[in-house]
Amino acid sequence: MLKNEYLTCTFHSRKMIIFSTQYNKMTRHISHFHLFI
């Protein structure tokens, strides 16, 4: 039970890290786009 919860927790945190990095790339891209306008 505990091990399972731990795995779920790490899975969710990994997913959040991936999401945040993608989000950062996206916002950076948008800011670069605004610079060109």
PDB file of N, CA and C in Angstrom:
ATOM      1  N   MET A   1       0.835  -1.207   0.000  1.00  0.00           N
ATOM      2  CA  MET A   1       0.000   0.000   0.000  1.00  0.00           C
ATOM      3  C   MET A   1       0.871   1.259   0.000  1.00  0.00           C
ATOM      4  N   LEU A   2       1.771   1.329   0.963  1.00  0.00           N
ATOM      5  CA  LEU A   2       2.642   2.499   1.044  1.00  0.00           C
ATOM      6  C   LEU A   2       3.517   2.633  -0.200  1.00  0.00           C
ATOM      7  N   LYS A   3       4.044   1.509  -0.637  1.00  0.00           N
ATOM      8  CA  LYS A   3       4.893   1.525  -1.828  1.00  0.00           C
ATOM      9  C   LYS A   3       4.099   2.019  -3.040  1.00  0.00           C
ATOM     10  N   ASN A   4       2.871   1.569  -3.138  1.00  0.00           N
ATOM     11  CA  ASN A   4       2.015   1.970  -4.243  1.00  0.00           C
ATOM     12  C   ASN A   4       1.750   3.475  -4.212  1.00  0.00           C
ATOM     13  N   GLU A   5       1.461   4.002  -3.045  1.00  0.00           N
ATOM     14  CA  GLU A   5       1.226   5.441  -2.901  1.00  0.00           C
ATOM     15  C   GLU A   5       2.473   6.226  -3.277  1.00  0.00           C
ATOM     16  N   TYR A   6       3.610   5.713  -2.867  1.00  0.00           N
ATOM     17  CA  TYR A   6       4.881   6.363  -3.187  1.00  0.00           C
ATOM     18  C   TYR A   6       5.100   6.408  -4.703  1.00  0.00           C
ATOM     19  N   LEU A   7       4.797   5.294  -5.375  1.00  0.00           N
ATOM     20  CA  LEU A   7       4.947   5.246  -6.830  1.00  0.00           C
ATOM     21  C   LEU A   7       4.008   6.230  -7.513  1.00  0.00           C
ATOM     22  N   THR A   8       2.787   6.302  -7.041  1.00  0.00           N
ATOM     23  CA  THR A   8       1.828   7.244  -7.613  1.00  0.00           C
ATOM     24  C   THR A   8       2.310   8.671  -7.417  1.00  0.00           C
ATOM     25  N   CYS A   9       2.843   8.943  -6.237  1.00  0.00           N
ATOM     26  CA  CYS A   9       3.340  10.277  -5.918  1.00  0.00           C
ATOM     27  C   CYS A   9       4.493  10.664  -6.846  1.00  0.00           C
ATOM     28  N   THR A  10       5.440   9.768  -7.016  1.00  0.00           N
ATOM     29  CA  THR A  10       6.579  10.060  -7.887  1.00  0.00           C
ATOM     30  C   THR A  10       6.118  10.211  -9.331  1.00  0.00           C
ATOM     31  N   PHE A  11       5.156   9.400  -9.729  1.00  0.00           N
ATOM     32  CA  PHE A  11       4.623   9.496 -11.087  1.00  0.00           C
ATOM     33  C   PHE A  11       3.998  10.866 -11.315  1.00  0.00           C
ATOM     34  N   HIS A  12       3.196  11.325 -10.370  1.00  0.00           N
ATOM     35  CA  HIS A  12       2.538  12.623 -10.493  1.00  0.00           C
ATOM     36  C   HIS A  12       3.544  13.758 -10.487  1.00  0.00           C
ATOM     37  N   SER A  13       4.539  13.680  -9.634  1.00  0.00           N
ATOM     38  CA  SER A  13       5.542  14.744  -9.578  1.00  0.00           C
ATOM     39  C   SER A  13       6.347  14.787 -10.878  1.00  0.00           C
ATOM     40  N   ARG A  14       6.646  13.616 -11.424  1.00  0.00           N
ATOM     41  CA  ARG A  14       7.374  13.570 -12.693  1.00  0.00           C
ATOM     42  C   ARG A  14       6.541  14.198 -13.793  1.00  0.00           C
ATOM     43  N   LYS A  15       5.253  13.890 -13.784  1.00  0.00           N
ATOM     44  CA  LYS A  15       4.342  14.451 -14.770  1.00  0.00           C
ATOM     45  C   LYS A  15       4.284  15.972 -14.633  1.00  0.00           C
ATOM     46  N   MET A  16       4.255  16.453 -13.401  1.00  0.00           N
ATOM     47  CA  MET A  16       4.221  17.896 -13.167  1.00  0.00           C
ATOM     48  C   MET A  16       5.517  18.560 -13.625  1.00  0.00           C
ATOM     49  N   ILE A  17       6.639  17.897 -13.411  1.00  0.00           N
ATOM     50  CA  ILE A  17       7.927  18.445 -13.856  1.00  0.00           C
ATOM     51  C   ILE A  17       7.951  18.548 -15.377  1.00  0.00           C
ATOM     52  N   ILE A  18       7.503  17.514 -16.049  1.00  0.00           N
ATOM     53  CA  ILE A  18       7.446  17.518 -17.514  1.00  0.00           C
ATOM     54  C   ILE A  18       6.516  18.633 -17.987  1.00  0.00           C
ATOM     55  N   PHE A  19       5.369  18.751 -17.347  1.00  0.00           N
ATOM     56  CA  PHE A  19       4.409  19.783 -17.714  1.00  0.00           C
ATOM     57  C   PHE A  19       4.993  21.175 -17.517  1.00  0.00           C
ATOM     58  N   SER A  20       5.666  21.389 -16.402  1.00  0.00           N
ATOM     59  CA  SER A  20       6.234  22.710 -16.119  1.00  0.00           C
ATOM     60  C   SER A  20       7.345  23.067 -17.106  1.00  0.00           C
ATOM     61  N   THR A  21       8.150  22.087 -17.495  1.00  0.00           N
ATOM     62  CA  THR A  21       9.205  22.376 -18.470  1.00  0.00           C
ATOM     63  C   THR A  21       8.594  22.708 -19.825  1.00  0.00           C
ATOM     64  N   GLN A  22       7.557  21.987 -20.217  1.00  0.00           N
ATOM     65  CA  GLN A  22       6.878  22.285 -21.476  1.00  0.00           C
ATOM     66  C   GLN A  22       6.243  23.666 -21.408  1.00  0.00           C
ATOM     67  N   TYR A  23       5.664  23.996 -20.261  1.00  0.00           N
ATOM     68  CA  TYR A  23       5.033  25.295 -20.080  1.00  0.00           C
ATOM     69  C   TYR A  23       6.072  26.410 -20.178  1.00  0.00           C
ATOM     70  N   ASN A  24       7.221  26.199 -19.570  1.00  0.00           N
ATOM     71  CA  ASN A  24       8.293  27.187 -19.628  1.00  0.00           C
ATOM     72  C   ASN A  24       8.777  27.391 -21.058  1.00  0.00           C
ATOM     73  N   LYS A  25       8.916  26.318 -21.798  1.00  0.00           N
ATOM     74  CA  LYS A  25       9.322  26.425 -23.202  1.00  0.00           C
ATOM     75  C   LYS A  25       8.285  27.217 -23.985  1.00  0.00           C
ATOM     76  N   MET A  26       7.028  26.935 -23.738  1.00  0.00           N
ATOM     77  CA  MET A  26       5.947  27.606 -24.432  1.00  0.00           C
ATOM     78  C   MET A  26       5.941  29.096 -24.134  1.00  0.00           C
ATOM     79  N   THR A  27       6.050  29.469 -22.869  1.00  0.00           N
ATOM     80  CA  THR A  27       6.031  30.886 -22.504  1.00  0.00           C
ATOM     81  C   THR A  27       7.251  31.597 -23.072  1.00  0.00           C
ATOM     82  N   ARG A  28       8.387  30.916 -23.073  1.00  0.00           N
ATOM     83  CA  ARG A  28       9.593  31.508 -23.633  1.00  0.00           C
ATOM     84  C   ARG A  28       9.393  31.749 -25.124  1.00  0.00           C
ATOM     85  N   HIS A  29       8.791  30.809 -25.788  1.00  0.00           N
ATOM     86  CA  HIS A  29       8.515  30.926 -27.219  1.00  0.00           C
ATOM     87  C   HIS A  29       7.577  32.101 -27.479  1.00  0.00           C
ATOM     88  N   ILE A  30       6.564  32.245 -26.650  1.00  0.00           N
ATOM     89  CA  ILE A  30       5.598  33.333 -26.789  1.00  0.00           C
ATOM     90  C   ILE A  30       6.286  34.680 -26.578  1.00  0.00           C
ATOM     91  N   SER A  31       7.151  34.782 -25.584  1.00  0.00           N
ATOM     92  CA  SER A  31       7.844  36.041 -25.329  1.00  0.00           C
ATOM     93  C   SER A  31       8.772  36.388 -26.499  1.00  0.00           C
ATOM     94  N   HIS A  32       9.408  35.393 -27.082  1.00  0.00           N
ATOM     95  CA  HIS A  32      10.252  35.629 -28.252  1.00  0.00           C
ATOM     96  C   HIS A  32       9.389  36.103 -29.412  1.00  0.00           C
ATOM     97  N   PHE A  33       8.238  35.512 -29.528  1.00  0.00           N
ATOM     98  CA  PHE A  33       7.303  35.888 -30.587  1.00  0.00           C
ATOM     99  C   PHE A  33       6.877  37.350 -30.425  1.00  0.00           C
ATOM    100  N   HIS A  34       6.638  37.767 -29.200  1.00  0.00           N
ATOM    101  CA  HIS A  34       6.254  39.152 -28.931  1.00  0.00           C
ATOM    102  C   HIS A  34       7.387  40.111 -29.261  1.00  0.00           C
ATOM    103  N   LEU A  35       8.594  39.668 -29.100  1.00  0.00           N
ATOM    104  CA  LEU A  35       9.747  40.515 -29.417  1.00  0.00           C
ATOM    105  C   LEU A  35       9.803  40.819 -30.917  1.00  0.00           C
ATOM    106  N   PHE A  36       9.382  39.869 -31.716  1.00  0.00           N
ATOM    107  CA  PHE A  36       9.449  40.053 -33.165  1.00  0.00           C
ATOM    108  C   PHE A  36       8.346  40.960 -33.697  1.00  0.00           C
ATOM    109  N   ILE A  37       7.287  41.122 -32.956  1.00  0.00           N
ATOM    110  CA  ILE A  37       6.148  41.921 -33.434  1.00  0.00           C
ATOM    111  C   ILE A  37       6.433  43.418 -33.389  1.00  0.00           C
TER     112      ILE A  37
END
